[in-house]
Each structure stands twice: as structure tokens, then as C-alpha cells.
């Protein structure tokens, strides 16, 4: 599976113009913040919160062309819906790694030396 949908990213950049950078920054910041919510839901054993946050992240990732990342969130959403939280910390860590790879690939696609995000999120 491809990590990013370049066609969608090109369409977004074409439509949004200069605001595209802001969209990318918002995507990065919001996703990073919501990872903390996923971790909190997992630690609390709250399947419904895990499902809800994962669902939101899945939609955001799809909207940004982050196809592989959206698949990770889909899996987390299903696990939350079924309250199957055993080993969920590993699944969240895998999604975080995929998020990092997504940012790297978007940065490479942009071809910018300094990139839009500045750093890859830390993985536990």
C-alpha cells in the first residue's frame, strides 16, 4: 500500500494555494495531539474513546492523502469498537511510526529542504 496519495495532495495544493502549508501544519499538530488522546484512552481502558479518536484521525488522514495512516486508524477504531485493548499500545506505536513516515514522504514530495514539520514525532 502506498503511504501517501500524491494525486490528492496535488489537488489540495492546487485548490488551496498558499494555505496548503497551513493545512499541513494543522494536520501535523492535530494528529500529534490526538495521539496523546489515543494513549490516554488505551491507558484508561476506554474502548469508546479509542474508537472515537481513531475515527476522527482516520477521516483527517484520508482527507490529507495519508492512506497507510488511515488504515492504522481504521484498525484502532475497530479495536476500540470491540473493546479489544490487549496489545493496543503496540498498535498505537505502529500508527505513530506510520505518521512519521507519512510526514517524511510528504516532505519529500514537497521537495523542500527545510520541510513543513521540522521533526518527526517521537516514537515510544
PDB file of N, CA and C in Angstrom:
ATOM      1  N   UNK A   1       0.841  -1.181   0.000  1.00  0.00           N
ATOM      2  CA  UNK A   1       0.000   0.000   0.000  1.00  0.00           C
ATOM      3  C   UNK A   1       0.888   1.247   0.000  1.00  0.00           C
ATOM      4  N   UNK A   2       0.455   2.219  -0.743  1.00  0.00           N
ATOM      5  CA  UNK A   2       1.190   3.486  -0.754  1.00  0.00           C
ATOM      6  C   UNK A   2       0.960   4.228   0.558  1.00  0.00           C
ATOM      7  N   UNK A   3       1.963   4.978   0.977  1.00  0.00           N
ATOM      8  CA  UNK A   3       1.865   5.722   2.233  1.00  0.00           C
ATOM      9  C   UNK A   3       1.048   6.988   2.034  1.00  0.00           C
ATOM     10  N   UNK A   4       1.282   7.692   0.918  1.00  0.00           N
ATOM     11  CA  UNK A   4       0.524   8.924   0.637  1.00  0.00           C
ATOM     12  C   UNK A   4      -0.071   8.858  -0.767  1.00  0.00           C
ATOM     13  N   UNK A   5      -1.165   9.561  -0.943  1.00  0.00           N
ATOM     14  CA  UNK A   5      -1.828   9.692  -2.237  1.00  0.00           C
ATOM     15  C   UNK A   5      -1.387  11.025  -2.841  1.00  0.00           C
ATOM     16  N   UNK A   6      -0.380  10.960  -3.690  1.00  0.00           N
ATOM     17  CA  UNK A   6       0.207  12.168  -4.275  1.00  0.00           C
ATOM     18  C   UNK A   6      -0.811  12.926  -5.114  1.00  0.00           C
ATOM     19  N   UNK A   7      -1.683  12.219  -5.802  1.00  0.00           N
ATOM     20  CA  UNK A   7      -2.702  12.879  -6.633  1.00  0.00           C
ATOM     21  C   UNK A   7      -3.599  13.760  -5.775  1.00  0.00           C
ATOM     22  N   UNK A   8      -4.031  13.243  -4.640  1.00  0.00           N
ATOM     23  CA  UNK A   8      -4.878  14.038  -3.746  1.00  0.00           C
ATOM     24  C   UNK A   8      -4.107  15.233  -3.193  1.00  0.00           C
ATOM     25  N   UNK A   9      -2.856  15.014  -2.795  1.00  0.00           N
ATOM     26  CA  UNK A   9      -2.054  16.127  -2.284  1.00  0.00           C
ATOM     27  C   UNK A   9      -1.874  17.212  -3.346  1.00  0.00           C
ATOM     28  N   UNK A  10      -1.652  16.818  -4.579  1.00  0.00           N
ATOM     29  CA  UNK A  10      -1.511  17.797  -5.662  1.00  0.00           C
ATOM     30  C   UNK A  10      -2.797  18.590  -5.859  1.00  0.00           C
ATOM     31  N   UNK A  11      -3.937  17.897  -5.780  1.00  0.00           N
ATOM     32  CA  UNK A  11      -5.230  18.587  -5.902  1.00  0.00           C
ATOM     33  C   UNK A  11      -5.419  19.579  -4.759  1.00  0.00           C
ATOM     34  N   UNK A  12      -5.107  19.149  -3.546  1.00  0.00           N
ATOM     35  CA  UNK A  12      -5.240  20.037  -2.394  1.00  0.00           C
ATOM     36  C   UNK A  12      -4.351  21.272  -2.550  1.00  0.00           C
ATOM     37  N   UNK A  13      -3.110  21.061  -2.955  1.00  0.00           N
ATOM     38  CA  UNK A  13      -2.188  22.182  -3.110  1.00  0.00           C
ATOM     39  C   UNK A  13      -2.670  23.125  -4.198  1.00  0.00           C
ATOM     40  N   UNK A  14      -3.206  22.568  -5.268  1.00  0.00           N
ATOM     41  CA  UNK A  14      -3.708  23.391  -6.372  1.00  0.00           C
ATOM     42  C   UNK A  14      -4.897  24.245  -5.934  1.00  0.00           C
ATOM     43  N   UNK A  15      -5.799  23.659  -5.195  1.00  0.00           N
ATOM     44  CA  UNK A  15      -7.011  24.358  -4.751  1.00  0.00           C
ATOM     45  C   UNK A  15      -6.703  25.370  -3.651  1.00  0.00           C
ATOM     46  N   UNK A  16      -5.828  24.992  -2.721  1.00  0.00           N
ATOM     47  CA  UNK A  16      -5.595  25.818  -1.536  1.00  0.00           C
ATOM     48  C   UNK A  16      -4.522  26.886  -1.723  1.00  0.00           C
ATOM     49  N   UNK A  17      -3.649  26.693  -2.679  1.00  0.00           N
ATOM     50  CA  UNK A  17      -2.598  27.681  -2.903  1.00  0.00           C
ATOM     51  C   UNK A  17      -1.712  27.842  -1.678  1.00  0.00           C
ATOM     52  N   UNK A  18      -1.527  29.096  -1.275  1.00  0.00           N
ATOM     53  CA  UNK A  18      -0.637  29.392  -0.142  1.00  0.00           C
ATOM     54  C   UNK A  18      -1.128  28.814   1.179  1.00  0.00           C
ATOM     55  N   UNK A  19      -2.413  28.560   1.306  1.00  0.00           N
ATOM     56  CA  UNK A  19      -2.965  27.999   2.539  1.00  0.00           C
ATOM     57  C   UNK A  19      -2.630  26.518   2.726  1.00  0.00           C
ATOM     58  N   UNK A  20      -2.069  25.898   1.701  1.00  0.00           N
ATOM     59  CA  UNK A  20      -1.731  24.482   1.788  1.00  0.00           C
ATOM     60  C   UNK A  20      -0.727  24.216   2.910  1.00  0.00           C
ATOM     61  N   UNK A  21       0.269  25.079   3.070  1.00  0.00           N
ATOM     62  CA  UNK A  21       1.247  24.912   4.149  1.00  0.00           C
ATOM     63  C   UNK A  21       0.570  24.929   5.515  1.00  0.00           C
ATOM     64  N   UNK A  22      -0.413  25.823   5.680  1.00  0.00           N
ATOM     65  CA  UNK A  22      -1.149  25.884   6.943  1.00  0.00           C
ATOM     66  C   UNK A  22      -1.930  24.598   7.190  1.00  0.00           C
ATOM     67  N   UNK A  23      -2.500  24.053   6.136  1.00  0.00           N
ATOM     68  CA  UNK A  23      -3.237  22.798   6.251  1.00  0.00           C
ATOM     69  C   UNK A  23      -2.302  21.675   6.705  1.00  0.00           C
ATOM     70  N   UNK A  24      -1.122  21.601   6.111  1.00  0.00           N
ATOM     71  CA  UNK A  24      -0.159  20.582   6.500  1.00  0.00           C
ATOM     72  C   UNK A  24       0.265  20.738   7.957  1.00  0.00           C
ATOM     73  N   UNK A  25       0.516  21.958   8.369  1.00  0.00           N
ATOM     74  CA  UNK A  25       0.914  22.214   9.761  1.00  0.00           C
ATOM     75  C   UNK A  25      -0.198  21.837  10.729  1.00  0.00           C
ATOM     76  N   UNK A  26      -1.426  22.167  10.362  1.00  0.00           N
ATOM     77  CA  UNK A  26      -2.575  21.822  11.204  1.00  0.00           C
ATOM     78  C   UNK A  26      -2.732  20.309  11.298  1.00  0.00           C
ATOM     79  N   UNK A  27      -2.582  19.636  10.164  1.00  0.00           N
ATOM     80  CA  UNK A  27      -2.673  18.174  10.149  1.00  0.00           C
ATOM     81  C   UNK A  27      -1.632  17.564  11.085  1.00  0.00           C
ATOM     82  N   UNK A  28      -0.408  18.040  11.001  1.00  0.00           N
ATOM     83  CA  UNK A  28       0.653  17.507  11.856  1.00  0.00           C
ATOM     84  C   UNK A  28       0.353  17.757  13.329  1.00  0.00           C
ATOM     85  N   UNK A  29       0.034  18.997  13.672  1.00  0.00           N
ATOM     86  CA  UNK A  29      -0.198  19.348  15.074  1.00  0.00           C
ATOM     87  C   UNK A  29      -1.405  18.653  15.663  1.00  0.00           C
ATOM     88  N   UNK A  30      -2.492  18.610  14.901  1.00  0.00           N
ATOM     89  CA  UNK A  30      -3.709  17.976  15.393  1.00  0.00           C
ATOM     90  C   UNK A  30      -3.512  16.470  15.560  1.00  0.00           C
ATOM     91  N   UNK A  31      -2.855  15.850  14.604  1.00  0.00           N
ATOM     92  CA  UNK A  31      -2.625  14.409  14.699  1.00  0.00           C
ATOM     93  C   UNK A  31      -1.741  14.084  15.896  1.00  0.00           C
ATOM     94  N   UNK A  32      -0.673  14.846  16.082  1.00  0.00           N
ATOM     95  CA  UNK A  32       0.217  14.619  17.223  1.00  0.00           C
ATOM     96  C   UNK A  32      -0.541  14.760  18.547  1.00  0.00           C
ATOM     97  N   UNK A  33      -1.388  15.774  18.650  1.00  0.00           N
ATOM     98  CA  UNK A  33      -2.160  15.991  19.877  1.00  0.00           C
ATOM     99  C   UNK A  33      -3.146  14.846  20.110  1.00  0.00           C
ATOM    100  N   UNK A  34      -3.760  14.374  19.047  1.00  0.00           N
ATOM    101  CA  UNK A  34      -4.742  13.298  19.206  1.00  0.00           C
ATOM    102  C   UNK A  34      -4.095  11.951  19.524  1.00  0.00           C
ATOM    103  N   UNK A  35      -2.817  11.795  19.160  1.00  0.00           N
ATOM    104  CA  UNK A  35      -2.117  10.584  19.587  1.00  0.00           C
ATOM    105  C   UNK A  35      -2.075  10.515  21.108  1.00  0.00           C
ATOM    106  N   UNK A  36      -1.939  11.645  21.757  1.00  0.00           N
ATOM    107  CA  UNK A  36      -1.942  11.669  23.228  1.00  0.00           C
ATOM    108  C   UNK A  36      -3.304  11.210  23.762  1.00  0.00           C
ATOM    109  N   UNK A  37      -4.373  11.591  23.069  1.00  0.00           N
ATOM    110  CA  UNK A  37      -5.712  11.144  23.468  1.00  0.00           C
ATOM    111  C   UNK A  37      -5.863   9.637  23.275  1.00  0.00           C
ATOM    112  N   UNK A  38      -5.293   9.116  22.188  1.00  0.00           N
ATOM    113  CA  UNK A  38      -5.329   7.666  21.971  1.00  0.00           C
ATOM    114  C   UNK A  38      -4.619   6.940  23.105  1.00  0.00           C
ATOM    115  N   UNK A  39      -3.451   7.437  23.464  1.00  0.00           N
ATOM    116  CA  UNK A  39      -2.679   6.807  24.538  1.00  0.00           C
ATOM    117  C   UNK A  39      -3.441   6.863  25.860  1.00  0.00           C
ATOM    118  N   UNK A  40      -4.070   8.008  26.129  1.00  0.00           N
ATOM    119  CA  UNK A  40      -4.840   8.136  27.368  1.00  0.00           C
ATOM    120  C   UNK A  40      -6.020   7.174  27.380  1.00  0.00           C
ATOM    121  N   UNK A  41      -6.700   7.038  26.247  1.00  0.00           N
ATOM    122  CA  UNK A  41      -7.834   6.110  26.161  1.00  0.00           C
ATOM    123  C   UNK A  41      -7.363   4.676  26.384  1.00  0.00           C
ATOM    124  N   UNK A  42      -6.229   4.333  25.798  1.00  0.00           N
ATOM    125  CA  UNK A  42      -5.691   2.976  25.964  1.00  0.00           C
ATOM    126  C   UNK A  42      -5.332   2.714  27.421  1.00  0.00           C
ATOM    127  N   UNK A  43      -4.663   3.682  28.055  1.00  0.00           N
ATOM    128  CA  UNK A  43      -4.272   3.524  29.455  1.00  0.00           C
ATOM    129  C   UNK A  43      -5.481   3.404  30.369  1.00  0.00           C
ATOM    130  N   UNK A  44      -6.560   4.108  30.030  1.00  0.00           N
ATOM    131  CA  UNK A  44      -7.770   4.066  30.848  1.00  0.00           C
ATOM    132  C   UNK A  44      -8.652   2.858  30.524  1.00  0.00           C
ATOM    133  N   UNK A  45      -8.298   2.133  29.468  1.00  0.00           N
ATOM    134  CA  UNK A  45      -9.130   1.007  29.061  1.00  0.00           C
ATOM    135  C   UNK A  45     -10.457   1.442  28.487  1.00  0.00           C
ATOM    136  N   UNK A  46     -10.491   2.628  27.886  1.00  0.00           N
ATOM    137  CA  UNK A  46     -11.730   3.218  27.367  1.00  0.00           C
ATOM    138  C   UNK A  46     -11.847   2.956  25.868  1.00  0.00           C
ATOM    139  N   UNK A  47     -12.500   1.849  25.524  1.00  0.00           N
ATOM    140  CA  UNK A  47     -12.666   1.470  24.127  1.00  0.00           C
ATOM    141  C   UNK A  47     -13.430   2.490  23.320  1.00  0.00           C
ATOM    142  N   UNK A  48     -14.463   3.086  23.906  1.00  0.00           N
ATOM    143  CA  UNK A  48     -15.268   4.068  23.170  1.00  0.00           C
ATOM    144  C   UNK A  48     -14.455   5.316  22.841  1.00  0.00           C
ATOM    145  N   UNK A  49     -13.654   5.787  23.773  1.00  0.00           N
ATOM    146  CA  UNK A  49     -12.807   6.955  23.490  1.00  0.00           C
ATOM    147  C   UNK A  49     -11.781   6.609  22.415  1.00  0.00           C
ATOM    148  N   UNK A  50     -11.208   5.419  22.489  1.00  0.00           N
ATOM    149  CA  UNK A  50     -10.256   4.976  21.470  1.00  0.00           C
ATOM    150  C   UNK A  50     -10.939   4.940  20.104  1.00  0.00           C
ATOM    151  N   UNK A  51     -12.135   4.410  20.043  1.00  0.00           N
ATOM    152  CA  UNK A  51     -12.888   4.344  18.793  1.00  0.00           C
ATOM    153  C   UNK A  51     -13.150   5.731  18.234  1.00  0.00           C
ATOM    154  N   UNK A  52     -13.612   6.628  19.088  1.00  0.00           N
ATOM    155  CA  UNK A  52     -13.979   7.967  18.658  1.00  0.00           C
ATOM    156  C   UNK A  52     -12.774   8.754  18.131  1.00  0.00           C
ATOM    157  N   UNK A  53     -11.684   8.748  18.879  1.00  0.00           N
ATOM    158  CA  UNK A  53     -10.483   9.480  18.455  1.00  0.00           C
ATOM    159  C   UNK A  53      -9.919   8.860  17.176  1.00  0.00           C
ATOM    160  N   UNK A  54      -9.888   7.537  17.109  1.00  0.00           N
ATOM    161  CA  UNK A  54      -9.381   6.856  15.922  1.00  0.00           C
ATOM    162  C   UNK A  54     -10.214   7.182  14.695  1.00  0.00           C
ATOM    163  N   UNK A  55     -11.524   7.257  14.880  1.00  0.00           N
ATOM    164  CA  UNK A  55     -12.420   7.599  13.773  1.00  0.00           C
ATOM    165  C   UNK A  55     -12.105   9.002  13.242  1.00  0.00           C
ATOM    166  N   UNK A  56     -11.926   9.942  14.141  1.00  0.00           N
ATOM    167  CA  UNK A  56     -11.588  11.321  13.747  1.00  0.00           C
ATOM    168  C   UNK A  56     -10.250  11.355  13.015  1.00  0.00           C
ATOM    169  N   UNK A  57      -9.263  10.666  13.557  1.00  0.00           N
ATOM    170  CA  UNK A  57      -7.945  10.633  12.927  1.00  0.00           C
ATOM    171  C   UNK A  57      -7.982   9.959  11.558  1.00  0.00           C
ATOM    172  N   UNK A  58      -8.789   8.921  11.435  1.00  0.00           N
ATOM    173  CA  UNK A  58      -8.915   8.217  10.157  1.00  0.00           C
ATOM    174  C   UNK A  58      -9.431   9.177   9.082  1.00  0.00           C
ATOM    175  N   UNK A  59     -10.455   9.944   9.412  1.00  0.00           N
ATOM    176  CA  UNK A  59     -11.008  10.896   8.452  1.00  0.00           C
ATOM    177  C   UNK A  59     -10.016  11.984   8.079  1.00  0.00           C
ATOM    178  N   UNK A  60      -9.306  12.473   9.061  1.00  0.00           N
ATOM    179  CA  UNK A  60      -8.297  13.502   8.806  1.00  0.00           C
ATOM    180  C   UNK A  60      -7.194  12.968   7.905  1.00  0.00           C
ATOM    181  N   UNK A  61      -6.723  11.767   8.190  1.00  0.00           N
ATOM    182  CA  UNK A  61      -5.668  11.161   7.385  1.00  0.00           C
ATOM    183  C   UNK A  61      -6.141  10.936   5.947  1.00  0.00           C
ATOM    184  N   UNK A  62      -7.348  10.440   5.787  1.00  0.00           N
ATOM    185  CA  UNK A  62      -7.883  10.230   4.442  1.00  0.00           C
ATOM    186  C   UNK A  62      -7.971  11.544   3.679  1.00  0.00           C
ATOM    187  N   UNK A  63      -8.427  12.584   4.358  1.00  0.00           N
ATOM    188  CA  UNK A  63      -8.554  13.897   3.730  1.00  0.00           C
ATOM    189  C   UNK A  63      -7.232  14.493   3.303  1.00  0.00           C
ATOM    190  N   UNK A  64      -6.146  14.065   3.953  1.00  0.00           N
ATOM    191  CA  UNK A  64      -4.805  14.566   3.625  1.00  0.00           C
ATOM    192  C   UNK A  64      -4.036  13.613   2.711  1.00  0.00           C
ATOM    193  N   UNK A  65      -4.671  12.559   2.264  1.00  0.00           N
ATOM    194  CA  UNK A  65      -3.993  11.626   1.381  1.00  0.00           C
ATOM    195  C   UNK A  65      -3.028  10.695   2.084  1.00  0.00           C
ATOM    196  N   UNK A  66      -3.150  10.580   3.393  1.00  0.00           N
ATOM    197  CA  UNK A  66      -2.287   9.696   4.191  1.00  0.00           C
ATOM    198  C   UNK A  66      -2.952   8.313   4.278  1.00  0.00           C
ATOM    199  N   UNK A  67      -2.897   7.586   3.168  1.00  0.00           N
ATOM    200  CA  UNK A  67      -3.664   6.351   3.046  1.00  0.00           C
ATOM    201  C   UNK A  67      -3.229   5.264   4.022  1.00  0.00           C
ATOM    202  N   UNK A  68      -1.941   5.040   4.157  1.00  0.00           N
ATOM    203  CA  UNK A  68      -1.471   3.995   5.075  1.00  0.00           C
ATOM    204  C   UNK A  68      -1.827   4.347   6.517  1.00  0.00           C
ATOM    205  N   UNK A  69      -1.687   5.606   6.870  1.00  0.00           N
ATOM    206  CA  UNK A  69      -2.013   6.048   8.223  1.00  0.00           C
ATOM    207  C   UNK A  69      -3.496   5.850   8.507  1.00  0.00           C
ATOM    208  N   UNK A  70      -4.335   6.145   7.525  1.00  0.00           N
ATOM    209  CA  UNK A  70      -5.778   5.964   7.726  1.00  0.00           C
ATOM    210  C   UNK A  70      -6.113   4.502   7.994  1.00  0.00           C
ATOM    211  N   UNK A  71      -5.365   3.576   7.383  1.00  0.00           N
ATOM    212  CA  UNK A  71      -5.588   2.149   7.638  1.00  0.00           C
ATOM    213  C   UNK A  71      -5.244   1.780   9.083  1.00  0.00           C
ATOM    214  N   UNK A  72      -4.177   2.364   9.599  1.00  0.00           N
ATOM    215  CA  UNK A  72      -3.835   2.125  11.009  1.00  0.00           C
ATOM    216  C   UNK A  72      -4.964   2.606  11.911  1.00  0.00           C
ATOM    217  N   UNK A  73      -5.481   3.791  11.619  1.00  0.00           N
ATOM    218  CA  UNK A  73      -6.558   4.333  12.450  1.00  0.00           C
ATOM    219  C   UNK A  73      -7.847   3.523  12.311  1.00  0.00           C
ATOM    220  N   UNK A  74      -8.094   2.980  11.129  1.00  0.00           N
ATOM    221  CA  UNK A  74      -9.258   2.118  10.939  1.00  0.00           C
ATOM    222  C   UNK A  74      -9.147   0.895  11.850  1.00  0.00           C
ATOM    223  N   UNK A  75      -7.951   0.304  11.898  1.00  0.00           N
ATOM    224  CA  UNK A  75      -7.743  -0.847  12.780  1.00  0.00           C
ATOM    225  C   UNK A  75      -7.941  -0.497  14.240  1.00  0.00           C
ATOM    226  N   UNK A  76      -7.427   0.658  14.639  1.00  0.00           N
ATOM    227  CA  UNK A  76      -7.612   1.108  16.027  1.00  0.00           C
ATOM    228  C   UNK A  76      -9.093   1.375  16.313  1.00  0.00           C
ATOM    229  N   UNK A  77      -9.789   1.931  15.340  1.00  0.00           N
ATOM    230  CA  UNK A  77     -11.222   2.199  15.509  1.00  0.00           C
ATOM    231  C   UNK A  77     -11.979   0.893  15.748  1.00  0.00           C
ATOM    232  N   UNK A  78     -11.701  -0.122  14.951  1.00  0.00           N
ATOM    233  CA  UNK A  78     -12.349  -1.421  15.141  1.00  0.00           C
ATOM    234  C   UNK A  78     -12.028  -2.018  16.504  1.00  0.00           C
ATOM    235  N   UNK A  79     -10.755  -1.925  16.898  1.00  0.00           N
ATOM    236  CA  UNK A  79     -10.364  -2.470  18.196  1.00  0.00           C
ATOM    237  C   UNK A  79     -11.098  -1.747  19.326  1.00  0.00           C
ATOM    238  N   UNK A  80     -11.232  -0.430  19.212  1.00  0.00           N
ATOM    239  CA  UNK A  80     -11.960   0.321  20.225  1.00  0.00           C
ATOM    240  C   UNK A  80     -13.433  -0.048  20.255  1.00  0.00           C
ATOM    241  N   UNK A  81     -14.020  -0.189  19.079  1.00  0.00           N
ATOM    242  CA  UNK A  81     -15.442  -0.540  18.994  1.00  0.00           C
ATOM    243  C   UNK A  81     -15.710  -1.869  19.682  1.00  0.00           C
ATOM    244  N   UNK A  82     -14.777  -2.801  19.527  1.00  0.00           N
ATOM    245  CA  UNK A  82     -14.937  -4.132  20.112  1.00  0.00           C
ATOM    246  C   UNK A  82     -14.347  -4.225  21.513  1.00  0.00           C
ATOM    247  N   UNK A  83     -13.775  -3.130  22.012  1.00  0.00           N
ATOM    248  CA  UNK A  83     -13.095  -3.090  23.315  1.00  0.00           C
ATOM    249  C   UNK A  83     -12.028  -4.178  23.429  1.00  0.00           C
ATOM    250  N   UNK A  84     -11.331  -4.408  22.334  1.00  0.00           N
ATOM    251  CA  UNK A  84     -10.200  -5.344  22.333  1.00  0.00           C
ATOM    252  C   UNK A  84      -8.928  -4.513  22.499  1.00  0.00           C
ATOM    253  N   UNK A  85      -8.550  -4.282  23.739  1.00  0.00           N
ATOM    254  CA  UNK A  85      -7.458  -3.361  24.024  1.00  0.00           C
ATOM    255  C   UNK A  85      -6.147  -4.059  24.397  1.00  0.00           C
ATOM    256  N   UNK A  86      -6.132  -5.387  24.382  1.00  0.00           N
ATOM    257  CA  UNK A  86      -4.881  -6.089  24.664  1.00  0.00           C
ATOM    258  C   UNK A  86      -3.889  -5.796  23.527  1.00  0.00           C
ATOM    259  N   UNK A  87      -2.689  -5.391  23.902  1.00  0.00           N
ATOM    260  CA  UNK A  87      -1.662  -5.068  22.914  1.00  0.00           C
ATOM    261  C   UNK A  87      -1.900  -3.779  22.151  1.00  0.00           C
ATOM    262  N   UNK A  88      -2.823  -2.966  22.614  1.00  0.00           N
ATOM    263  CA  UNK A  88      -3.186  -1.750  21.874  1.00  0.00           C
ATOM    264  C   UNK A  88      -2.055  -0.724  21.868  1.00  0.00           C
ATOM    265  N   UNK A  89      -1.222  -0.714  22.899  1.00  0.00           N
ATOM    266  CA  UNK A  89      -0.094   0.238  22.928  1.00  0.00           C
ATOM    267  C   UNK A  89       0.839   0.002  21.747  1.00  0.00           C
ATOM    268  N   UNK A  90       1.056  -1.248  21.381  1.00  0.00           N
ATOM    269  CA  UNK A  90       1.895  -1.567  20.227  1.00  0.00           C
ATOM    270  C   UNK A  90       1.249  -1.070  18.941  1.00  0.00           C
ATOM    271  N   UNK A  91      -0.054  -1.221  18.830  1.00  0.00           N
ATOM    272  CA  UNK A  91      -0.770  -0.750  17.634  1.00  0.00           C
ATOM    273  C   UNK A  91      -0.699   0.772  17.520  1.00  0.00           C
ATOM    274  N   UNK A  92      -0.791   1.451  18.638  1.00  0.00           N
ATOM    275  CA  UNK A  92      -0.669   2.913  18.631  1.00  0.00           C
ATOM    276  C   UNK A  92       0.752   3.305  18.235  1.00  0.00           C
ATOM    277  N   UNK A  93       1.746   2.603  18.761  1.00  0.00           N
ATOM    278  CA  UNK A  93       3.143   2.886  18.393  1.00  0.00           C
ATOM    279  C   UNK A  93       3.371   2.650  16.903  1.00  0.00           C
ATOM    280  N   UNK A  94       2.763   1.613  16.349  1.00  0.00           N
ATOM    281  CA  UNK A  94       2.875   1.366  14.908  1.00  0.00           C
ATOM    282  C   UNK A  94       2.251   2.504  14.109  1.00  0.00           C
ATOM    283  N   UNK A  95       1.129   3.012  14.582  1.00  0.00           N
ATOM    284  CA  UNK A  95       0.486   4.143  13.912  1.00  0.00           C
ATOM    285  C   UNK A  95       1.370   5.391  14.007  1.00  0.00           C
ATOM    286  N   UNK A  96       2.029   5.576  15.147  1.00  0.00           N
ATOM    287  CA  UNK A  96       2.940   6.724  15.292  1.00  0.00           C
ATOM    288  C   UNK A  96       4.108   6.620  14.317  1.00  0.00           C
ATOM    289  N   UNK A  97       4.645   5.426  14.157  1.00  0.00           N
ATOM    290  CA  UNK A  97       5.731   5.246  13.185  1.00  0.00           C
ATOM    291  C   UNK A  97       5.245   5.552  11.772  1.00  0.00           C
ATOM    292  N   UNK A  98       4.051   5.104  11.459  1.00  0.00           N
ATOM    293  CA  UNK A  98       3.483   5.380  10.145  1.00  0.00           C
ATOM    294  C   UNK A  98       3.266   6.881   9.961  1.00  0.00           C
ATOM    295  N   UNK A  99       2.862   7.563  11.015  1.00  0.00           N
ATOM    296  CA  UNK A  99       2.695   9.022  10.962  1.00  0.00           C
ATOM    297  C   UNK A  99       4.033   9.677  10.632  1.00  0.00           C
ATOM    298  N   UNK A 100       5.085   9.234  11.288  1.00  0.00           N
ATOM    299  CA  UNK A 100       6.413   9.767  10.993  1.00  0.00           C
ATOM    300  C   UNK A 100       6.797   9.541   9.545  1.00  0.00           C
ATOM    301  N   UNK A 101       6.554   8.335   9.048  1.00  0.00           N
ATOM    302  CA  UNK A 101       6.863   8.032   7.639  1.00  0.00           C
ATOM    303  C   UNK A 101       6.006   8.879   6.700  1.00  0.00           C
ATOM    304  N   UNK A 102       4.771   9.096   7.078  1.00  0.00           N
ATOM    305  CA  UNK A 102       3.883   9.942   6.270  1.00  0.00           C
ATOM    306  C   UNK A 102       4.449  11.348   6.158  1.00  0.00           C
ATOM    307  N   UNK A 103       4.879  11.912   7.279  1.00  0.00           N
ATOM    308  CA  UNK A 103       5.450  13.260   7.260  1.00  0.00           C
ATOM    309  C   UNK A 103       6.709  13.317   6.404  1.00  0.00           C
ATOM    310  N   UNK A 104       7.535  12.293   6.502  1.00  0.00           N
ATOM    311  CA  UNK A 104       8.758  12.237   5.702  1.00  0.00           C
ATOM    312  C   UNK A 104       8.414  12.189   4.216  1.00  0.00           C
ATOM    313  N   UNK A 105       7.430  11.380   3.865  1.00  0.00           N
ATOM    314  CA  UNK A 105       7.076  11.261   2.454  1.00  0.00           C
ATOM    315  C   UNK A 105       6.415  12.529   1.913  1.00  0.00           C
ATOM    316  N   UNK A 106       5.597  13.176   2.727  1.00  0.00           N
ATOM    317  CA  UNK A 106       5.013  14.447   2.287  1.00  0.00           C
ATOM    318  C   UNK A 106       6.121  15.471   2.099  1.00  0.00           C
ATOM    319  N   UNK A 107       7.052  15.506   3.034  1.00  0.00           N
ATOM    320  CA  UNK A 107       8.173  16.435   2.940  1.00  0.00           C
ATOM    321  C   UNK A 107       8.981  16.168   1.669  1.00  0.00           C
ATOM    322  N   UNK A 108       9.253  14.911   1.385  1.00  0.00           N
ATOM    323  CA  UNK A 108       9.994  14.555   0.179  1.00  0.00           C
ATOM    324  C   UNK A 108       9.208  14.956  -1.066  1.00  0.00           C
ATOM    325  N   UNK A 109       7.909  14.738  -1.033  1.00  0.00           N
ATOM    326  CA  UNK A 109       7.058  15.121  -2.156  1.00  0.00           C
ATOM    327  C   UNK A 109       7.114  16.633  -2.377  1.00  0.00           C
ATOM    328  N   UNK A 110       7.091  17.375  -1.310  1.00  0.00           N
ATOM    329  CA  UNK A 110       7.177  18.829  -1.438  1.00  0.00           C
ATOM    330  C   UNK A 110       8.529  19.261  -1.997  1.00  0.00           C
ATOM    331  N   UNK A 111       9.545  18.446  -1.753  1.00  0.00           N
ATOM    332  CA  UNK A 111      10.870  18.760  -2.251  1.00  0.00           C
ATOM    333  C   UNK A 111      11.509  19.944  -1.553  1.00  0.00           C
ATOM    334  N   UNK A 112      11.007  20.251  -0.346  1.00  0.00           N
ATOM    335  CA  UNK A 112      11.528  21.397   0.386  1.00  0.00           C
ATOM    336  C   UNK A 112      12.692  20.966   1.267  1.00  0.00           C
ATOM    337  N   UNK A 113      13.750  21.722   1.254  1.00  0.00           N
ATOM    338  CA  UNK A 113      14.931  21.386   2.057  1.00  0.00           C
ATOM    339  C   UNK A 113      14.624  21.415   3.549  1.00  0.00           C
ATOM    340  N   UNK A 114      13.854  22.397   3.987  1.00  0.00           N
ATOM    341  CA  UNK A 114      13.570  22.542   5.413  1.00  0.00           C
ATOM    342  C   UNK A 114      12.281  21.859   5.832  1.00  0.00           C
ATOM    343  N   UNK A 115      11.448  21.501   4.910  1.00  0.00           N
ATOM    344  CA  UNK A 115      10.212  20.797   5.223  1.00  0.00           C
ATOM    345  C   UNK A 115       9.199  21.640   5.955  1.00  0.00           C
ATOM    346  N   UNK A 116       7.999  21.092   6.076  1.00  0.00           N
ATOM    347  CA  UNK A 116       6.928  21.824   6.738  1.00  0.00           C
ATOM    348  C   UNK A 116       6.824  21.488   8.204  1.00  0.00           C
ATOM    349  N   UNK A 117       7.429  20.411   8.651  1.00  0.00           N
ATOM    350  CA  UNK A 117       7.196  19.973  10.024  1.00  0.00           C
ATOM    351  C   UNK A 117       8.422  20.061  10.912  1.00  0.00           C
ATOM    352  N   UNK A 118       9.590  20.063  10.354  1.00  0.00           N
ATOM    353  CA  UNK A 118      10.775  20.273  11.165  1.00  0.00           C
ATOM    354  C   UNK A 118      11.293  19.067  11.911  1.00  0.00           C
ATOM    355  N   UNK A 119      10.432  18.151  12.320  1.00  0.00           N
ATOM    356  CA  UNK A 119      10.902  16.961  13.018  1.00  0.00           C
ATOM    357  C   UNK A 119       9.870  15.857  12.913  1.00  0.00           C
ATOM    358  N   UNK A 120      10.361  14.664  13.029  1.00  0.00           N
ATOM    359  CA  UNK A 120       9.493  13.502  13.024  1.00  0.00           C
ATOM    360  C   UNK A 120       9.031  13.257  14.446  1.00  0.00           C
ATOM    361  N   UNK A 121       7.740  12.929  14.646  1.00  0.00           N
ATOM    362  CA  UNK A 121       7.268  12.713  16.014  1.00  0.00           C
ATOM    363  C   UNK A 121       8.024  11.584  16.681  1.00  0.00           C
ATOM    364  N   UNK A 122       8.183  11.691  17.988  1.00  0.00           N
ATOM    365  CA  UNK A 122       8.895  10.657  18.722  1.00  0.00           C
ATOM    366  C   UNK A 122       8.041   9.412  18.819  1.00  0.00           C
ATOM    367  N   UNK A 123       8.702   8.289  18.796  1.00  0.00           N
ATOM    368  CA  UNK A 123       8.022   7.010  18.906  1.00  0.00           C
ATOM    369  C   UNK A 123       8.494   6.349  20.194  1.00  0.00           C
ATOM    370  N   UNK A 124       7.543   5.898  20.988  1.00  0.00           N
ATOM    371  CA  UNK A 124       7.873   5.265  22.263  1.00  0.00           C
ATOM    372  C   UNK A 124       8.355   3.858  22.058  1.00  0.00           C
TER     373      UNK A 124
END
